[in-house]
Amino acid sequence: DDFNTGGAIAELFELAKIANRVCDTNDLEGKGKENSEAVAEFTATLTAIKELSSILGIFQQPPAEAGGSDNELLGRVMQPVIDLRAESRQAKNFTVADAIRDGLKPTGITLEDRSGGTEWEGGSDEALNGVMQMLIDLRADARKNKDFATGDAVRDRLKEAGVTLEDRAGGTEWTT
């Protein structure tokens, strides 16, 4: 079966030419910035390019690289991890709670239970990838054991943190 991917990519290039033409014709990099109608047309064309290209898997963001952005994302991801562990402990589902605690050890992250709540500290350069893989594995185990509430909770909490899980034939991948 041929979905004419080459033709689809060619059309994306045509849209890019149109966007460039709108930009050049209206001098959007110069004085034309004030022309709200031309800016709106240019923005709409770029939005169409981005939406159509995402169907082909183009312009997808890879997982964050090591560095500052990883640290910020790790901070957002750790709160759902802490919440899931606390809820599991409260529901006496110690299998899940222990899996979370044990899954964090290789990343260098430790959880400290205090009277005001649980805090986390530490983490290696690969901590974000390790935490995400632990959550993906936790979700897969929950689904395999027909614990759909836990599986859905992992997915939903990550979505709230700005992370999307995508189940594919080769396994689950995550994007921001």
Protein backbone atom coordinates (compact mmCIF):
# COMPACT_ATOMS: atom_id res chain seq x y z
CA ASP A 1 0.00 0.00 0.00
CA ASP A 2 1.27 3.42 -0.93
CA PHE A 3 0.05 6.44 0.99
CA ASN A 4 1.98 8.73 -1.38
CA THR A 5 4.14 10.07 1.43
CA GLY A 6 6.46 11.68 -1.11
CA GLY A 7 3.54 13.59 -2.60
CA ALA A 8 2.42 14.72 0.84
CA ILE A 9 5.89 16.03 1.64
CA ALA A 10 5.99 17.82 -1.72
CA GLU A 11 2.74 19.58 -0.78
CA LEU A 12 4.29 20.66 2.52
CA PHE A 13 7.13 22.24 0.55
CA GLU A 14 4.55 24.07 -1.58
CA LEU A 15 2.93 25.40 1.59
CA ALA A 16 6.37 26.52 2.80
CA LYS A 17 6.88 28.39 -0.49
CA ILE A 18 3.52 30.12 0.02
CA ALA A 19 4.50 31.08 3.57
CA ASN A 20 7.81 32.51 2.32
CA ARG A 21 6.02 34.41 -0.44
CA VAL A 22 3.57 35.94 2.08
CA CYS A 23 6.49 36.90 4.31
CA ASP A 24 8.50 38.46 1.47
CA THR A 25 5.58 40.19 -0.25
CA ASN A 26 4.43 41.83 2.97
CA ASP A 27 7.93 42.47 4.38
CA LEU A 28 6.98 40.68 7.60
CA GLU A 29 10.57 40.71 8.78
CA GLY A 30 10.60 44.49 8.50
CA LYS A 31 7.91 47.15 8.41
CA GLY A 32 5.21 44.63 7.49
CA LYS A 33 5.06 43.37 11.09
CA GLU A 34 2.35 45.98 11.64
CA ASN A 35 0.10 44.43 8.93
CA SER A 36 -2.09 42.25 11.14
CA GLU A 37 -3.91 40.72 8.16
CA ALA A 38 -0.65 39.53 6.55
CA VAL A 39 0.69 38.30 9.90
CA ALA A 40 -2.54 36.33 10.44
CA GLU A 41 -2.26 34.79 6.95
CA PHE A 42 1.37 33.87 7.56
CA THR A 43 0.57 32.38 10.99
CA ALA A 44 -2.33 30.36 9.56
CA THR A 45 -0.06 28.96 6.84
CA LEU A 46 2.60 27.98 9.38
CA THR A 47 -0.05 26.37 11.59
CA ALA A 48 -1.30 24.34 8.63
CA ILE A 49 2.25 23.22 7.82
CA LYS A 50 2.85 22.16 11.41
CA GLU A 51 -0.47 20.31 11.76
CA LEU A 52 -0.15 18.50 8.44
CA SER A 53 3.48 17.61 9.04
CA SER A 54 2.67 16.12 12.44
CA ILE A 55 0.55 13.53 10.64
CA LEU A 56 3.73 12.39 8.90
CA GLY A 57 5.74 12.49 12.12
CA ILE A 58 7.71 15.59 11.08
CA PHE A 59 8.57 18.31 13.60
CA GLN A 60 7.83 16.11 16.60
CA GLN A 61 9.75 17.08 19.68
CA PRO A 62 12.14 14.41 20.90
CA PRO A 63 12.47 13.84 24.62
CA ALA A 64 14.29 16.76 26.20
CA GLU A 65 18.06 16.75 26.01
CA ALA A 66 20.27 16.76 29.08
CA GLY A 67 20.60 20.18 30.62
CA GLY A 68 18.36 22.88 32.00
CA SER A 69 15.17 21.89 30.23
CA ASP A 70 15.49 18.34 31.58
CA ASN A 71 15.71 19.67 35.12
CA GLU A 72 12.55 21.71 34.73
CA LEU A 73 10.67 18.80 33.15
CA LEU A 74 11.97 16.42 35.81
CA GLY A 75 10.53 18.74 38.46
CA ARG A 76 7.13 18.66 36.75
CA VAL A 77 7.23 14.86 36.36
CA MET A 78 8.27 14.13 39.93
CA GLN A 79 5.10 15.58 41.46
CA PRO A 80 2.88 13.00 39.72
CA VAL A 81 5.36 10.30 40.79
CA ILE A 82 5.08 11.42 44.42
CA ASP A 83 1.28 11.67 44.18
CA LEU A 84 0.94 8.20 42.63
CA ARG A 85 3.13 6.69 45.33
CA ALA A 86 1.17 8.43 48.12
CA GLU A 87 -2.17 7.30 46.66
CA SER A 88 -0.87 3.75 46.29
CA ARG A 89 0.33 3.68 49.89
CA GLN A 90 -2.98 5.08 51.11
CA ALA A 91 -4.86 2.40 49.14
CA LYS A 92 -2.46 -0.20 50.62
CA ASN A 93 -1.22 -1.03 47.12
CA PHE A 94 2.35 -1.48 48.32
CA THR A 95 3.36 -3.29 45.13
CA VAL A 96 2.95 -0.06 43.14
CA ALA A 97 4.37 2.15 45.90
CA ASP A 98 7.45 -0.07 46.23
CA ALA A 99 7.86 -0.27 42.44
CA ILE A 100 7.98 3.53 42.30
CA ARG A 101 10.51 3.77 45.15
CA ASP A 102 12.68 0.98 43.74
CA GLY A 103 12.39 2.31 40.19
CA LEU A 104 13.81 5.66 41.28
CA LYS A 105 16.95 4.19 42.88
CA PRO A 106 18.89 3.69 39.60
CA THR A 107 18.24 7.34 38.69
CA GLY A 108 19.86 8.56 41.89
CA ILE A 109 16.59 10.06 43.13
CA THR A 110 15.53 9.42 46.71
CA LEU A 111 12.17 10.16 48.28
CA GLU A 112 12.00 11.52 51.81
CA ASP A 113 8.66 11.13 53.61
CA ARG A 114 8.19 14.05 55.98
CA SER A 115 5.28 15.35 58.04
CA GLY A 116 4.58 18.04 55.42
CA GLY A 117 4.65 15.56 52.54
CA THR A 118 7.15 13.70 50.43
CA GLU A 119 10.17 15.49 48.99
CA TRP A 120 12.64 14.25 46.41
CA GLU A 121 16.30 14.95 45.92
CA GLY A 122 19.20 13.87 43.79
CA GLY A 123 19.18 12.59 40.28
CA SER A 124 21.79 11.80 37.68
CA ASP A 125 22.12 13.31 34.21
CA GLU A 126 19.86 10.56 32.87
CA ALA A 127 17.31 10.86 35.70
CA LEU A 128 14.50 12.13 33.49
CA ASN A 129 14.81 9.24 31.04
CA GLY A 130 15.03 6.79 33.93
CA VAL A 131 11.95 8.19 35.67
CA MET A 132 9.99 8.16 32.42
CA GLN A 133 10.99 4.55 31.69
CA MET A 134 10.01 3.56 35.24
CA LEU A 135 6.58 5.16 34.74
CA ILE A 136 6.14 3.52 31.34
CA ASP A 137 7.02 0.13 32.86
CA LEU A 138 4.71 0.75 35.82
CA ARG A 139 1.85 1.58 33.47
CA ALA A 140 2.54 -1.48 31.30
CA ASP A 141 2.57 -3.77 34.36
CA ALA A 142 -0.64 -2.24 35.66
CA ARG A 143 -2.37 -2.73 32.31
CA LYS A 144 -1.05 -6.30 32.06
CA ASN A 145 -2.51 -7.00 35.52
CA LYS A 146 -5.80 -5.35 34.51
CA ASP A 147 -5.22 -2.53 37.01
CA PHE A 148 -6.53 0.03 34.56
CA ALA A 149 -7.04 2.66 37.26
CA THR A 150 -3.29 2.81 37.94
CA GLY A 151 -2.43 2.69 34.25
CA ASP A 152 -4.82 5.53 33.51
CA ALA A 153 -3.59 7.51 36.51
CA VAL A 154 0.01 7.34 35.25
CA ARG A 155 -1.05 8.52 31.79
CA ASP A 156 -3.36 11.27 33.07
CA ARG A 157 -0.92 12.64 35.64
CA LEU A 158 1.85 12.82 33.06
CA LYS A 159 -0.47 14.62 30.68
CA GLU A 160 -1.14 17.21 33.39
CA ALA A 161 2.64 17.64 33.67
CA GLY A 162 2.90 18.24 29.92
CA VAL A 163 4.08 14.76 28.91
CA THR A 164 2.19 12.60 26.42
CA LEU A 165 2.54 8.82 26.30
CA GLU A 166 2.10 7.24 22.88
CA ASP A 167 1.57 3.48 22.64
CA ARG A 168 3.12 2.08 19.48
CA ALA A 169 3.94 -1.35 18.11
CA GLY A 170 7.54 -1.06 19.29
CA GLY A 171 6.57 0.10 22.78
CA THR A 172 5.47 3.24 24.54
CA GLU A 173 7.20 6.52 23.75
CA TRP A 174 6.89 9.87 25.44
CA THR A 175 6.90 13.42 24.12
CA THR A 176 6.56 16.87 25.62
